[in-house]
Amino acid sequence: MTHVAEIVTFALANGTTPEEFVKLSQASEAFVRSAPGFTHRQLSQGEDGRWTDYVVWANMQAARDAAAQFPQQDCAAGMMAAIDPDSVQMRHENVLWKMSA
């Protein structure tokens, strides 16, 4: 079985602070944790201001199912309003190698 990384990069909408967005993201924790196939998630911000939401799923079906169900979640509207819609890039990739500390 190949794990799948869901990688979403984006910029915040004007007026949204990093602290506000982290709180909005934390509000999605219950949904993501309960989604079948969830294994890992991290959120980062680059020096250029762009963000990356990196989620690892057990397989492609789990990743696609979660992506399809996310817009219906209570937390989704706030998160999406805080993101510049023209900046969003989302992709799913097969994880070919993993290293941990």
PDB file of N, CA and C in Angstrom:
ATOM      1  N   MET A   1       0.844  -1.179   0.000  1.00  0.00           N
ATOM      2  CA  MET A   1       0.000   0.000   0.000  1.00  0.00           C
ATOM      3  C   MET A   1       0.892   1.245   0.000  1.00  0.00           C
ATOM      4  N   THR A   2       0.592   2.171  -0.858  1.00  0.00           N
ATOM      5  CA  THR A   2       1.345   3.411  -0.961  1.00  0.00           C
ATOM      6  C   THR A   2       0.585   4.531  -0.268  1.00  0.00           C
ATOM      7  N   HIS A   3       1.245   5.210   0.651  1.00  0.00           N
ATOM      8  CA  HIS A   3       0.642   6.384   1.266  1.00  0.00           C
ATOM      9  C   HIS A   3       0.571   7.502   0.232  1.00  0.00           C
ATOM     10  N   VAL A   4      -0.341   8.436   0.458  1.00  0.00           N
ATOM     11  CA  VAL A   4      -0.542   9.550  -0.466  1.00  0.00           C
ATOM     12  C   VAL A   4      -0.443  10.855   0.308  1.00  0.00           C
ATOM     13  N   ALA A   5       0.355  11.769  -0.230  1.00  0.00           N
ATOM     14  CA  ALA A   5       0.469  13.107   0.356  1.00  0.00           C
ATOM     15  C   ALA A   5      -0.465  14.051  -0.383  1.00  0.00           C
ATOM     16  N   GLU A   6      -1.283  14.742   0.378  1.00  0.00           N
ATOM     17  CA  GLU A   6      -2.129  15.810  -0.162  1.00  0.00           C
ATOM     18  C   GLU A   6      -1.402  17.108   0.168  1.00  0.00           C
ATOM     19  N   ILE A   7      -0.998  17.835  -0.859  1.00  0.00           N
ATOM     20  CA  ILE A   7      -0.203  19.044  -0.671  1.00  0.00           C
ATOM     21  C   ILE A   7      -0.984  20.224  -1.230  1.00  0.00           C
ATOM     22  N   VAL A   8      -1.339  21.145  -0.339  1.00  0.00           N
ATOM     23  CA  VAL A   8      -2.096  22.327  -0.739  1.00  0.00           C
ATOM     24  C   VAL A   8      -1.249  23.547  -0.406  1.00  0.00           C
ATOM     25  N   THR A   9      -0.927  24.345  -1.427  1.00  0.00           N
ATOM     26  CA  THR A   9      -0.185  25.581  -1.207  1.00  0.00           C
ATOM     27  C   THR A   9      -1.105  26.756  -1.517  1.00  0.00           C
ATOM     28  N   PHE A  10      -0.916  27.854  -0.781  1.00  0.00           N
ATOM     29  CA  PHE A  10      -1.822  28.988  -0.920  1.00  0.00           C
ATOM     30  C   PHE A  10      -1.254  30.206  -0.209  1.00  0.00           C
ATOM     31  N   ALA A  11      -1.871  31.343  -0.451  1.00  0.00           N
ATOM     32  CA  ALA A  11      -1.592  32.582   0.269  1.00  0.00           C
ATOM     33  C   ALA A  11      -2.853  32.950   1.047  1.00  0.00           C
ATOM     34  N   LEU A  12      -2.663  33.655   2.123  1.00  0.00           N
ATOM     35  CA  LEU A  12      -3.817  34.095   2.903  1.00  0.00           C
ATOM     36  C   LEU A  12      -4.504  35.280   2.230  1.00  0.00           C
ATOM     37  N   ALA A  13      -5.790  35.380   2.464  1.00  0.00           N
ATOM     38  CA  ALA A  13      -6.559  36.522   1.975  1.00  0.00           C
ATOM     39  C   ALA A  13      -6.109  37.776   2.723  1.00  0.00           C
ATOM     40  N   ASN A  14      -6.229  38.904   2.078  1.00  0.00           N
ATOM     41  CA  ASN A  14      -5.881  40.175   2.724  1.00  0.00           C
ATOM     42  C   ASN A  14      -6.646  40.309   4.032  1.00  0.00           C
ATOM     43  N   GLY A  15      -5.944  40.730   5.063  1.00  0.00           N
ATOM     44  CA  GLY A  15      -6.573  40.941   6.357  1.00  0.00           C
ATOM     45  C   GLY A  15      -6.540  39.740   7.277  1.00  0.00           C
ATOM     46  N   THR A  16      -6.117  38.581   6.807  1.00  0.00           N
ATOM     47  CA  THR A  16      -6.038  37.392   7.650  1.00  0.00           C
ATOM     48  C   THR A  16      -4.628  37.287   8.220  1.00  0.00           C
ATOM     49  N   THR A  17      -4.541  37.178   9.540  1.00  0.00           N
ATOM     50  CA  THR A  17      -3.220  37.045  10.169  1.00  0.00           C
ATOM     51  C   THR A  17      -2.838  35.570  10.252  1.00  0.00           C
ATOM     52  N   PRO A  18      -1.545  35.291  10.331  1.00  0.00           N
ATOM     53  CA  PRO A  18      -1.120  33.895  10.509  1.00  0.00           C
ATOM     54  C   PRO A  18      -1.736  33.252  11.753  1.00  0.00           C
ATOM     55  N   GLU A  19      -1.830  33.988  12.827  1.00  0.00           N
ATOM     56  CA  GLU A  19      -2.405  33.446  14.058  1.00  0.00           C
ATOM     57  C   GLU A  19      -3.883  33.061  13.859  1.00  0.00           C
ATOM     58  N   GLU A  20      -4.617  33.916  13.160  1.00  0.00           N
ATOM     59  CA  GLU A  20      -6.027  33.609  12.874  1.00  0.00           C
ATOM     60  C   GLU A  20      -6.135  32.344  12.032  1.00  0.00           C
ATOM     61  N   PHE A  21      -5.255  32.226  11.019  1.00  0.00           N
ATOM     62  CA  PHE A  21      -5.363  31.067  10.147  1.00  0.00           C
ATOM     63  C   PHE A  21      -4.990  29.774  10.862  1.00  0.00           C
ATOM     64  N   VAL A  22      -4.005  29.826  11.735  1.00  0.00           N
ATOM     65  CA  VAL A  22      -3.648  28.621  12.498  1.00  0.00           C
ATOM     66  C   VAL A  22      -4.844  28.176  13.337  1.00  0.00           C
ATOM     67  N   LYS A  23      -5.527  29.110  13.972  1.00  0.00           N
ATOM     68  CA  LYS A  23      -6.709  28.757  14.773  1.00  0.00           C
ATOM     69  C   LYS A  23      -7.810  28.157  13.899  1.00  0.00           C
ATOM     70  N   LEU A  24      -8.008  28.730  12.713  1.00  0.00           N
ATOM     71  CA  LEU A  24      -9.013  28.184  11.798  1.00  0.00           C
ATOM     72  C   LEU A  24      -8.632  26.768  11.378  1.00  0.00           C
ATOM     73  N   SER A  25      -7.366  26.544  11.139  1.00  0.00           N
ATOM     74  CA  SER A  25      -6.894  25.208  10.752  1.00  0.00           C
ATOM     75  C   SER A  25      -7.083  24.216  11.892  1.00  0.00           C
ATOM     76  N   GLN A  26      -6.802  24.648  13.094  1.00  0.00           N
ATOM     77  CA  GLN A  26      -6.977  23.769  14.252  1.00  0.00           C
ATOM     78  C   GLN A  26      -8.432  23.357  14.421  1.00  0.00           C
ATOM     79  N   ALA A  27      -9.351  24.199  13.975  1.00  0.00           N
ATOM     80  CA  ALA A  27     -10.771  23.865  14.052  1.00  0.00           C
ATOM     81  C   ALA A  27     -11.138  22.704  13.137  1.00  0.00           C
ATOM     82  N   SER A  28     -10.286  22.410  12.154  1.00  0.00           N
ATOM     83  CA  SER A  28     -10.552  21.280  11.241  1.00  0.00           C
ATOM     84  C   SER A  28      -9.976  19.970  11.762  1.00  0.00           C
ATOM     85  N   GLU A  29      -9.315  20.011  12.907  1.00  0.00           N
ATOM     86  CA  GLU A  29      -8.637  18.822  13.430  1.00  0.00           C
ATOM     87  C   GLU A  29      -9.574  17.633  13.644  1.00  0.00           C
ATOM     88  N   ALA A  30     -10.726  17.873  14.220  1.00  0.00           N
ATOM     89  CA  ALA A  30     -11.642  16.761  14.497  1.00  0.00           C
ATOM     90  C   ALA A  30     -12.048  16.052  13.206  1.00  0.00           C
ATOM     91  N   PHE A  31     -12.364  16.825  12.165  1.00  0.00           N
ATOM     92  CA  PHE A  31     -12.737  16.206  10.896  1.00  0.00           C
ATOM     93  C   PHE A  31     -11.581  15.398  10.325  1.00  0.00           C
ATOM     94  N   VAL A  32     -10.398  16.001  10.266  1.00  0.00           N
ATOM     95  CA  VAL A  32      -9.257  15.319   9.647  1.00  0.00           C
ATOM     96  C   VAL A  32      -8.887  14.068  10.439  1.00  0.00           C
ATOM     97  N   ARG A  33      -8.810  14.179  11.752  1.00  0.00           N
ATOM     98  CA  ARG A  33      -8.452  13.014  12.584  1.00  0.00           C
ATOM     99  C   ARG A  33      -9.434  11.860  12.422  1.00  0.00           C
ATOM    100  N   SER A  34     -10.696  12.190  12.246  1.00  0.00           N
ATOM    101  CA  SER A  34     -11.710  11.130  12.152  1.00  0.00           C
ATOM    102  C   SER A  34     -11.867  10.572  10.741  1.00  0.00           C
ATOM    103  N   ALA A  35     -11.257  11.209   9.762  1.00  0.00           N
ATOM    104  CA  ALA A  35     -11.379  10.741   8.378  1.00  0.00           C
ATOM    105  C   ALA A  35     -10.622   9.423   8.209  1.00  0.00           C
ATOM    106  N   PRO A  36     -11.264   8.426   7.626  1.00  0.00           N
ATOM    107  CA  PRO A  36     -10.585   7.148   7.413  1.00  0.00           C
ATOM    108  C   PRO A  36      -9.312   7.328   6.587  1.00  0.00           C
ATOM    109  N   GLY A  37      -8.224   6.724   7.064  1.00  0.00           N
ATOM    110  CA  GLY A  37      -6.972   6.754   6.331  1.00  0.00           C
ATOM    111  C   GLY A  37      -6.033   7.890   6.693  1.00  0.00           C
ATOM    112  N   PHE A  38      -6.430   8.769   7.614  1.00  0.00           N
ATOM    113  CA  PHE A  38      -5.540   9.868   8.012  1.00  0.00           C
ATOM    114  C   PHE A  38      -4.342   9.320   8.769  1.00  0.00           C
ATOM    115  N   THR A  39      -3.131   9.828   8.435  1.00  0.00           N
ATOM    116  CA  THR A  39      -1.938   9.409   9.176  1.00  0.00           C
ATOM    117  C   THR A  39      -1.129  10.573   9.737  1.00  0.00           C
ATOM    118  N   HIS A  40      -1.077  11.718   9.054  1.00  0.00           N
ATOM    119  CA  HIS A  40      -0.198  12.799   9.491  1.00  0.00           C
ATOM    120  C   HIS A  40      -0.612  14.113   8.831  1.00  0.00           C
ATOM    121  N   ARG A  41      -0.402  15.227   9.553  1.00  0.00           N
ATOM    122  CA  ARG A  41      -0.685  16.541   8.964  1.00  0.00           C
ATOM    123  C   ARG A  41       0.266  17.577   9.546  1.00  0.00           C
ATOM    124  N   GLN A  42       0.694  18.497   8.708  1.00  0.00           N
ATOM    125  CA  GLN A  42       1.472  19.640   9.186  1.00  0.00           C
ATOM    126  C   GLN A  42       1.155  20.853   8.333  1.00  0.00           C
ATOM    127  N   LEU A  43       1.272  22.016   8.954  1.00  0.00           N
ATOM    128  CA  LEU A  43       0.991  23.289   8.297  1.00  0.00           C
ATOM    129  C   LEU A  43       2.231  24.153   8.439  1.00  0.00           C
ATOM    130  N   SER A  44       2.682  24.731   7.338  1.00  0.00           N
ATOM    131  CA  SER A  44       3.878  25.567   7.390  1.00  0.00           C
ATOM    132  C   SER A  44       3.688  26.828   6.554  1.00  0.00           C
ATOM    133  N   GLN A  45       4.521  27.822   6.867  1.00  0.00           N
ATOM    134  CA  GLN A  45       4.520  29.075   6.114  1.00  0.00           C
ATOM    135  C   GLN A  45       5.949  29.375   5.701  1.00  0.00           C
ATOM    136  N   GLY A  46       6.139  29.655   4.414  1.00  0.00           N
ATOM    137  CA  GLY A  46       7.454  29.963   3.897  1.00  0.00           C
ATOM    138  C   GLY A  46       7.821  31.422   4.074  1.00  0.00           C
ATOM    139  N   GLU A  47       9.094  31.715   3.860  1.00  0.00           N
ATOM    140  CA  GLU A  47       9.575  33.094   3.968  1.00  0.00           C
ATOM    141  C   GLU A  47       8.879  34.020   2.981  1.00  0.00           C
ATOM    142  N   ASP A  48       8.373  33.449   1.873  1.00  0.00           N
ATOM    143  CA  ASP A  48       7.678  34.258   0.867  1.00  0.00           C
ATOM    144  C   ASP A  48       6.215  34.515   1.231  1.00  0.00           C
ATOM    145  N   GLY A  49       5.772  33.992   2.383  1.00  0.00           N
ATOM    146  CA  GLY A  49       4.402  34.195   2.831  1.00  0.00           C
ATOM    147  C   GLY A  49       3.432  33.110   2.399  1.00  0.00           C
ATOM    148  N   ARG A  50       3.857  32.233   1.461  1.00  0.00           N
ATOM    149  CA  ARG A  50       2.966  31.152   1.032  1.00  0.00           C
ATOM    150  C   ARG A  50       2.913  30.069   2.099  1.00  0.00           C
ATOM    151  N   TRP A  51       1.771  29.425   2.155  1.00  0.00           N
ATOM    152  CA  TRP A  51       1.514  28.374   3.140  1.00  0.00           C
ATOM    153  C   TRP A  51       1.465  27.020   2.453  1.00  0.00           C
ATOM    154  N   THR A  52       1.740  25.970   3.225  1.00  0.00           N
ATOM    155  CA  THR A  52       1.591  24.593   2.752  1.00  0.00           C
ATOM    156  C   THR A  52       0.877  23.791   3.826  1.00  0.00           C
ATOM    157  N   ASP A  53      -0.225  23.167   3.433  1.00  0.00           N
ATOM    158  CA  ASP A  53      -0.946  22.231   4.297  1.00  0.00           C
ATOM    159  C   ASP A  53      -0.627  20.848   3.726  1.00  0.00           C
ATOM    160  N   TYR A  54       0.084  20.044   4.492  1.00  0.00           N
ATOM    161  CA  TYR A  54       0.611  18.762   4.029  1.00  0.00           C
ATOM    162  C   TYR A  54      -0.047  17.660   4.847  1.00  0.00           C
ATOM    163  N   VAL A  55      -0.855  16.835   4.186  1.00  0.00           N
ATOM    164  CA  VAL A  55      -1.586  15.772   4.875  1.00  0.00           C
ATOM    165  C   VAL A  55      -1.229  14.443   4.224  1.00  0.00           C
ATOM    166  N   VAL A  56      -0.921  13.447   5.047  1.00  0.00           N
ATOM    167  CA  VAL A  56      -0.612  12.117   4.531  1.00  0.00           C
ATOM    168  C   VAL A  56      -1.783  11.195   4.842  1.00  0.00           C
ATOM    169  N   TRP A  57      -2.198  10.493   3.794  1.00  0.00           N
ATOM    170  CA  TRP A  57      -3.324   9.553   3.869  1.00  0.00           C
ATOM    171  C   TRP A  57      -2.831   8.138   3.568  1.00  0.00           C
ATOM    172  N   ALA A  58      -3.577   7.151   4.010  1.00  0.00           N
ATOM    173  CA  ALA A  58      -3.200   5.752   3.811  1.00  0.00           C
ATOM    174  C   ALA A  58      -3.196   5.361   2.340  1.00  0.00           C
ATOM    175  N   ASN A  59      -4.057   6.002   1.548  1.00  0.00           N
ATOM    176  CA  ASN A  59      -4.136   5.662   0.124  1.00  0.00           C
ATOM    177  C   ASN A  59      -4.863   6.783  -0.626  1.00  0.00           C
ATOM    178  N   MET A  60      -4.874   6.680  -1.934  1.00  0.00           N
ATOM    179  CA  MET A  60      -5.475   7.721  -2.775  1.00  0.00           C
ATOM    180  C   MET A  60      -6.979   7.860  -2.534  1.00  0.00           C
ATOM    181  N   GLN A  61      -7.663   6.753  -2.316  1.00  0.00           N
ATOM    182  CA  GLN A  61      -9.108   6.829  -2.090  1.00  0.00           C
ATOM    183  C   GLN A  61      -9.417   7.618  -0.824  1.00  0.00           C
ATOM    184  N   ALA A  62      -8.667   7.392   0.232  1.00  0.00           N
ATOM    185  CA  ALA A  62      -8.874   8.130   1.479  1.00  0.00           C
ATOM    186  C   ALA A  62      -8.633   9.622   1.257  1.00  0.00           C
ATOM    187  N   ALA A  63      -7.584   9.960   0.517  1.00  0.00           N
ATOM    188  CA  ALA A  63      -7.271  11.363   0.233  1.00  0.00           C
ATOM    189  C   ALA A  63      -8.393  12.017  -0.568  1.00  0.00           C
ATOM    190  N   ARG A  64      -8.853  11.340  -1.582  1.00  0.00           N
ATOM    191  CA  ARG A  64      -9.919  11.901  -2.424  1.00  0.00           C
ATOM    192  C   ARG A  64     -11.236  12.024  -1.671  1.00  0.00           C
ATOM    193  N   ASP A  65     -11.549  11.025  -0.854  1.00  0.00           N
ATOM    194  CA  ASP A  65     -12.787  11.074  -0.076  1.00  0.00           C
ATOM    195  C   ASP A  65     -12.773  12.256   0.894  1.00  0.00           C
ATOM    196  N   ALA A  66     -11.654  12.448   1.592  1.00  0.00           N
ATOM    197  CA  ALA A  66     -11.559  13.559   2.546  1.00  0.00           C
ATOM    198  C   ALA A  66     -11.661  14.898   1.826  1.00  0.00           C
ATOM    199  N   ALA A  67     -11.004  15.019   0.681  1.00  0.00           N
ATOM    200  CA  ALA A  67     -11.057  16.262  -0.088  1.00  0.00           C
ATOM    201  C   ALA A  67     -12.482  16.554  -0.542  1.00  0.00           C
ATOM    202  N   ALA A  68     -13.217  15.530  -0.903  1.00  0.00           N
ATOM    203  CA  ALA A  68     -14.599  15.709  -1.349  1.00  0.00           C
ATOM    204  C   ALA A  68     -15.524  16.082  -0.192  1.00  0.00           C
ATOM    205  N   GLN A  69     -15.244  15.556   0.999  1.00  0.00           N
ATOM    206  CA  GLN A  69     -16.098  15.803   2.158  1.00  0.00           C
ATOM    207  C   GLN A  69     -15.777  17.114   2.879  1.00  0.00           C
ATOM    208  N   PHE A  70     -14.565  17.622   2.707  1.00  0.00           N
ATOM    209  CA  PHE A  70     -14.151  18.817   3.449  1.00  0.00           C
ATOM    210  C   PHE A  70     -15.072  20.021   3.254  1.00  0.00           C
ATOM    211  N   PRO A  71     -15.484  20.347   2.025  1.00  0.00           N
ATOM    212  CA  PRO A  71     -16.314  21.553   1.849  1.00  0.00           C
ATOM    213  C   PRO A  71     -17.623  21.535   2.646  1.00  0.00           C
ATOM    214  N   GLN A  72     -18.121  20.371   3.020  1.00  0.00           N
ATOM    215  CA  GLN A  72     -19.372  20.280   3.775  1.00  0.00           C
ATOM    216  C   GLN A  72     -19.164  20.424   5.283  1.00  0.00           C
ATOM    217  N   GLN A  73     -17.929  20.507   5.749  1.00  0.00           N
ATOM    218  CA  GLN A  73     -17.647  20.584   7.181  1.00  0.00           C
ATOM    219  C   GLN A  73     -17.868  22.006   7.699  1.00  0.00           C
ATOM    220  N   ASP A  74     -18.257  22.117   8.966  1.00  0.00           N
ATOM    221  CA  ASP A  74     -18.512  23.424   9.578  1.00  0.00           C
ATOM    222  C   ASP A  74     -17.279  24.328   9.540  1.00  0.00           C
ATOM    223  N   CYS A  75     -16.105  23.745   9.627  1.00  0.00           N
ATOM    224  CA  CYS A  75     -14.862  24.529   9.666  1.00  0.00           C
ATOM    225  C   CYS A  75     -14.445  25.047   8.293  1.00  0.00           C
ATOM    226  N   ALA A  76     -14.993  24.501   7.237  1.00  0.00           N
ATOM    227  CA  ALA A  76     -14.510  24.796   5.883  1.00  0.00           C
ATOM    228  C   ALA A  76     -14.741  26.247   5.453  1.00  0.00           C
ATOM    229  N   ALA A  77     -15.894  26.784   5.729  1.00  0.00           N
ATOM    230  CA  ALA A  77     -16.206  28.136   5.252  1.00  0.00           C
ATOM    231  C   ALA A  77     -15.222  29.165   5.790  1.00  0.00           C
ATOM    232  N   GLY A  78     -14.914  29.101   7.070  1.00  0.00           N
ATOM    233  CA  GLY A  78     -13.975  30.040   7.663  1.00  0.00           C
ATOM    234  C   GLY A  78     -12.580  29.904   7.089  1.00  0.00           C
ATOM    235  N   MET A  79     -12.132  28.656   6.904  1.00  0.00           N
ATOM    236  CA  MET A  79     -10.802  28.438   6.326  1.00  0.00           C
ATOM    237  C   MET A  79     -10.738  28.964   4.902  1.00  0.00           C
ATOM    238  N   MET A  80     -11.750  28.656   4.118  1.00  0.00           N
ATOM    239  CA  MET A  80     -11.732  29.070   2.716  1.00  0.00           C
ATOM    240  C   MET A  80     -11.825  30.592   2.584  1.00  0.00           C
ATOM    241  N   ALA A  81     -12.556  31.251   3.463  1.00  0.00           N
ATOM    242  CA  ALA A  81     -12.647  32.712   3.422  1.00  0.00           C
ATOM    243  C   ALA A  81     -11.311  33.364   3.778  1.00  0.00           C
ATOM    244  N   ALA A  82     -10.471  32.656   4.514  1.00  0.00           N
ATOM    245  CA  ALA A  82      -9.182  33.194   4.949  1.00  0.00           C
ATOM    246  C   ALA A  82      -8.072  32.970   3.927  1.00  0.00           C
ATOM    247  N   ILE A  83      -8.385  32.264   2.840  1.00  0.00           N
ATOM    248  CA  ILE A  83      -7.399  31.930   1.803  1.00  0.00           C
ATOM    249  C   ILE A  83      -7.722  32.695   0.527  1.00  0.00           C
ATOM    250  N   ASP A  84      -6.676  33.210  -0.125  1.00  0.00           N
ATOM    251  CA  ASP A  84      -6.837  33.845  -1.439  1.00  0.00           C
ATOM    252  C   ASP A  84      -7.164  32.743  -2.441  1.00  0.00           C
ATOM    253  N   PRO A  85      -8.391  32.696  -2.982  1.00  0.00           N
ATOM    254  CA  PRO A  85      -8.792  31.583  -3.844  1.00  0.00           C
ATOM    255  C   PRO A  85      -7.952  31.458  -5.119  1.00  0.00           C
ATOM    256  N   ASP A  86      -7.410  32.558  -5.603  1.00  0.00           N
ATOM    257  CA  ASP A  86      -6.600  32.507  -6.823  1.00  0.00           C
ATOM    258  C   ASP A  86      -5.209  31.930  -6.578  1.00  0.00           C
ATOM    259  N   SER A  87      -4.840  31.752  -5.328  1.00  0.00           N
ATOM    260  CA  SER A  87      -3.494  31.275  -5.010  1.00  0.00           C
ATOM    261  C   SER A  87      -3.426  29.768  -4.740  1.00  0.00           C
ATOM    262  N   VAL A  88      -4.559  29.111  -4.652  1.00  0.00           N
ATOM    263  CA  VAL A  88      -4.599  27.714  -4.216  1.00  0.00           C
ATOM    264  C   VAL A  88      -4.120  26.757  -5.299  1.00  0.00           C
ATOM    265  N   GLN A  89      -3.201  25.892  -4.901  1.00  0.00           N
ATOM    266  CA  GLN A  89      -2.755  24.778  -5.747  1.00  0.00           C
ATOM    267  C   GLN A  89      -2.819  23.519  -4.890  1.00  0.00           C
ATOM    268  N   MET A  90      -3.519  22.502  -5.379  1.00  0.00           N
ATOM    269  CA  MET A  90      -3.666  21.251  -4.633  1.00  0.00           C
ATOM    270  C   MET A  90      -3.257  20.095  -5.519  1.00  0.00           C
ATOM    271  N   ARG A  91      -2.520  19.172  -4.911  1.00  0.00           N
ATOM    272  CA  ARG A  91      -2.149  17.974  -5.654  1.00  0.00           C
ATOM    273  C   ARG A  91      -2.038  16.797  -4.695  1.00  0.00           C
ATOM    274  N   HIS A  92      -2.154  15.605  -5.255  1.00  0.00           N
ATOM    275  CA  HIS A  92      -1.952  14.367  -4.511  1.00  0.00           C
ATOM    276  C   HIS A  92      -0.763  13.643  -5.124  1.00  0.00           C
ATOM    277  N   GLU A  93       0.133  13.190  -4.256  1.00  0.00           N
ATOM    278  CA  GLU A  93       1.346  12.508  -4.723  1.00  0.00           C
ATOM    279  C   GLU A  93       1.545  11.222  -3.935  1.00  0.00           C
ATOM    280  N   ASN A  94       2.049  10.189  -4.598  1.00  0.00           N
ATOM    281  CA  ASN A  94       2.402   8.949  -3.920  1.00  0.00           C
ATOM    282  C   ASN A  94       3.673   9.174  -3.108  1.00  0.00           C
ATOM    283  N   VAL A  95       3.645   8.757  -1.842  1.00  0.00           N
ATOM    284  CA  VAL A  95       4.823   8.852  -0.989  1.00  0.00           C
ATOM    285  C   VAL A  95       5.718   7.648  -1.312  1.00  0.00           C
ATOM    286  N   LEU A  96       6.907   7.926  -1.782  1.00  0.00           N
ATOM    287  CA  LEU A  96       7.812   6.860  -2.222  1.00  0.00           C
ATOM    288  C   LEU A  96       8.860   6.502  -1.185  1.00  0.00           C
ATOM    289  N   TRP A  97       9.099   7.403  -0.241  1.00  0.00           N
ATOM    290  CA  TRP A  97      10.090   7.151   0.786  1.00  0.00           C
ATOM    291  C   TRP A  97       9.801   8.041   1.975  1.00  0.00           C
ATOM    292  N   LYS A  98      10.047   7.549   3.171  1.00  0.00           N
ATOM    293  CA  LYS A  98       9.787   8.317   4.389  1.00  0.00           C
ATOM    294  C   LYS A  98      10.949   8.104   5.352  1.00  0.00           C
ATOM    295  N   MET A  99      11.341   9.181   6.032  1.00  0.00           N
ATOM    296  CA  MET A  99      12.377   9.092   7.049  1.00  0.00           C
ATOM    297  C   MET A  99      11.914   9.864   8.268  1.00  0.00           C
ATOM    298  N   SER A 100      12.066   9.283   9.438  1.00  0.00           N
ATOM    299  CA  SER A 100      11.691   9.937  10.687  1.00  0.00           C
ATOM    300  C   SER A 100      12.904  10.038  11.599  1.00  0.00           C
ATOM    301  N   ALA A 101      12.808  10.907  12.583  1.00  0.00           N
ATOM    302  CA  ALA A 101      13.910  11.083  13.535  1.00  0.00           C
ATOM    303  C   ALA A 101      14.076   9.843  14.388  1.00  0.00           C
TER     304      ALA A 101
END
